[in-house]
């Protein structure tokens, strides 16, 4: 009787943890497609990264040389953009915590799970024409910032 009472909660915990792992892995499934596309046209992928993130080819090469897959380079650059941090800082954190996954790295960089920024990151693929609505919240002083905002 005691075993039956113990088995049910353990099964619930096991099912919940497995489903959470599968969902979080599925959140970034688009990266697999990006890797296939990048491997089919490496120079085109490098050019897209350089254009999309406004960096030079040497910087793109540095990032690509320090990650396992091409889509990882995109994620490093995208997380840098979203967190307003230099890509070198994100790359360093990536190397230290890559086993934890992209969601954990995003959280460490201040991108809260469930936020618009996190959803934009999970949806990804803006490199190939798909636009997301997230914009980094800069500290600009133009219209819409500060006093007089309507």
Protein backbone atom coordinates (compact mmCIF):
# COMPACT_ATOMS: atom_id res chain seq x y z
CA UNK A 1 0.00 0.00 0.00
CA UNK A 2 2.78 2.41 0.87
CA UNK A 3 4.54 1.58 -2.39
CA UNK A 4 1.43 2.45 -4.39
CA UNK A 5 1.18 5.83 -2.67
CA UNK A 6 4.82 6.49 -3.46
CA UNK A 7 4.72 5.33 -7.09
CA UNK A 8 1.99 7.71 -8.25
CA UNK A 9 3.75 10.93 -7.21
CA UNK A 10 7.04 9.66 -8.65
CA UNK A 11 5.36 8.89 -11.97
CA UNK A 12 3.81 12.36 -12.03
CA UNK A 13 7.18 14.01 -11.43
CA UNK A 14 8.82 11.85 -14.09
CA UNK A 15 6.16 12.59 -16.71
CA UNK A 16 6.26 16.32 -15.95
CA UNK A 17 10.05 16.56 -16.16
CA UNK A 18 10.20 14.58 -19.40
CA UNK A 19 7.49 16.68 -21.03
CA UNK A 20 9.21 19.92 -19.93
CA UNK A 21 12.47 18.71 -21.46
CA UNK A 22 10.78 17.76 -24.72
CA UNK A 23 8.95 21.08 -24.94
CA UNK A 24 12.08 23.12 -24.29
CA UNK A 25 14.02 21.16 -26.91
CA UNK A 26 11.18 21.58 -29.40
CA UNK A 27 11.19 25.34 -28.81
CA UNK A 28 14.42 25.62 -30.76
CA UNK A 29 13.73 23.01 -33.48
CA UNK A 30 14.14 25.67 -36.17
CA UNK A 31 17.87 25.64 -35.44
CA UNK A 32 18.18 22.25 -37.12
CA UNK A 33 16.79 23.73 -40.36
CA UNK A 34 19.14 26.69 -40.06
CA UNK A 35 22.10 24.34 -39.72
CA UNK A 36 21.09 22.45 -42.88
CA UNK A 37 20.72 25.71 -44.81
CA UNK A 38 24.05 27.03 -43.50
CA UNK A 39 25.87 23.83 -44.42
CA UNK A 40 24.41 23.94 -47.93
CA UNK A 41 25.63 27.53 -48.47
CA UNK A 42 28.34 28.45 -45.92
CA UNK A 43 29.44 31.67 -47.60
CA UNK A 44 25.83 32.83 -47.97
CA UNK A 45 25.22 32.08 -44.29
CA UNK A 46 28.30 34.08 -43.27
CA UNK A 47 27.13 36.99 -45.41
CA UNK A 48 23.65 36.86 -43.88
CA UNK A 49 25.09 36.90 -40.35
CA UNK A 50 27.37 39.82 -41.19
CA UNK A 51 24.51 41.77 -42.78
CA UNK A 52 21.88 40.91 -40.17
CA UNK A 53 24.05 41.77 -37.17
CA UNK A 54 26.10 44.53 -38.84
CA UNK A 55 29.47 42.95 -38.10
CA UNK A 56 32.51 42.22 -40.26
CA UNK A 57 33.46 38.90 -41.79
CA UNK A 58 36.33 38.50 -39.29
CA UNK A 59 33.85 38.76 -36.39
CA UNK A 60 31.54 36.24 -38.06
CA UNK A 61 34.49 33.89 -38.50
CA UNK A 62 35.46 34.31 -34.85
CA UNK A 63 31.97 33.37 -33.67
CA UNK A 64 31.61 30.47 -36.11
CA UNK A 65 35.01 29.16 -35.05
CA UNK A 66 34.00 29.06 -31.39
CA UNK A 67 30.63 27.30 -31.60
CA UNK A 68 29.63 23.76 -32.49
CA UNK A 69 27.09 24.51 -35.22
CA UNK A 70 26.22 27.45 -37.49
CA UNK A 71 22.87 28.08 -35.78
CA UNK A 72 24.75 28.41 -32.49
CA UNK A 73 26.61 31.37 -34.01
CA UNK A 74 23.28 32.96 -34.88
CA UNK A 75 22.05 32.42 -31.32
CA UNK A 76 25.19 33.95 -29.80
CA UNK A 77 24.80 37.04 -31.95
CA UNK A 78 21.03 37.24 -31.39
CA UNK A 79 21.38 36.92 -27.62
CA UNK A 80 24.00 39.66 -27.66
CA UNK A 81 21.64 41.90 -29.58
CA UNK A 82 18.65 41.15 -27.35
CA UNK A 83 20.57 41.57 -24.10
CA UNK A 84 22.51 44.63 -25.34
CA UNK A 85 25.80 42.86 -24.59
CA UNK A 86 28.82 42.39 -26.83
CA UNK A 87 28.77 39.06 -28.64
CA UNK A 88 32.16 38.21 -27.10
CA UNK A 89 30.57 38.24 -23.62
CA UNK A 90 27.75 35.99 -24.82
CA UNK A 91 30.26 33.69 -26.51
CA UNK A 92 32.21 33.37 -23.27
CA UNK A 93 29.04 32.49 -21.34
CA UNK A 94 28.02 30.05 -24.09
CA UNK A 95 31.30 28.16 -23.72
CA UNK A 96 30.89 27.95 -19.93
CA UNK A 97 27.20 26.95 -19.89
CA UNK A 98 26.38 25.35 -23.26
CA UNK A 99 25.23 22.11 -21.63
CA UNK A 100 22.38 23.97 -19.89
CA UNK A 101 20.73 25.02 -23.17
CA UNK A 102 19.77 28.26 -24.88
CA UNK A 103 16.84 29.01 -22.59
CA UNK A 104 19.09 28.94 -19.53
CA UNK A 105 21.68 31.13 -21.25
CA UNK A 106 19.00 33.62 -22.28
CA UNK A 107 17.75 33.71 -18.68
CA UNK A 108 21.31 34.28 -17.40
CA UNK A 109 21.55 37.24 -19.79
CA UNK A 110 18.38 38.79 -18.37
CA UNK A 111 15.84 37.58 -20.94
CA UNK A 112 12.94 36.42 -18.84
CA UNK A 113 11.07 33.22 -19.78
CA UNK A 114 7.62 34.07 -21.10
CA UNK A 115 8.62 37.60 -22.13
CA UNK A 116 8.18 38.92 -25.66
CA UNK A 117 11.96 38.76 -26.09
CA UNK A 118 12.08 35.11 -25.07
CA UNK A 119 9.23 34.21 -27.43
CA UNK A 120 11.00 36.04 -30.26
CA UNK A 121 14.13 34.04 -29.49
CA UNK A 122 12.24 30.74 -29.51
CA UNK A 123 10.56 31.62 -32.80
CA UNK A 124 13.90 32.59 -34.33
CA UNK A 125 14.56 32.47 -38.06
CA UNK A 126 14.65 36.23 -38.68
CA UNK A 127 17.88 35.58 -40.56
CA UNK A 128 15.93 34.21 -43.52
CA UNK A 129 13.28 36.89 -43.94
CA UNK A 130 10.98 36.12 -41.04
CA UNK A 131 10.60 39.19 -38.88
CA UNK A 132 9.86 39.20 -35.18
CA UNK A 133 8.38 42.10 -33.30
CA UNK A 134 10.92 42.30 -30.48
CA UNK A 135 13.16 45.33 -30.42
CA UNK A 136 15.89 45.83 -27.86
CA UNK A 137 14.96 48.48 -25.30
CA UNK A 138 17.75 50.96 -25.78
CA UNK A 139 18.28 54.04 -23.65
CA UNK A 140 17.45 56.54 -26.35
CA UNK A 141 16.21 60.05 -25.64
CA UNK A 142 14.09 60.60 -28.72
CA UNK A 143 10.30 60.76 -29.00
CA UNK A 144 8.56 58.23 -26.80
CA UNK A 145 11.22 58.27 -24.09
CA UNK A 146 10.92 60.10 -20.81
CA UNK A 147 8.59 62.99 -19.94
CA UNK A 148 5.77 63.87 -22.23
CA UNK A 149 5.31 60.29 -23.36
CA UNK A 150 1.73 59.73 -24.38
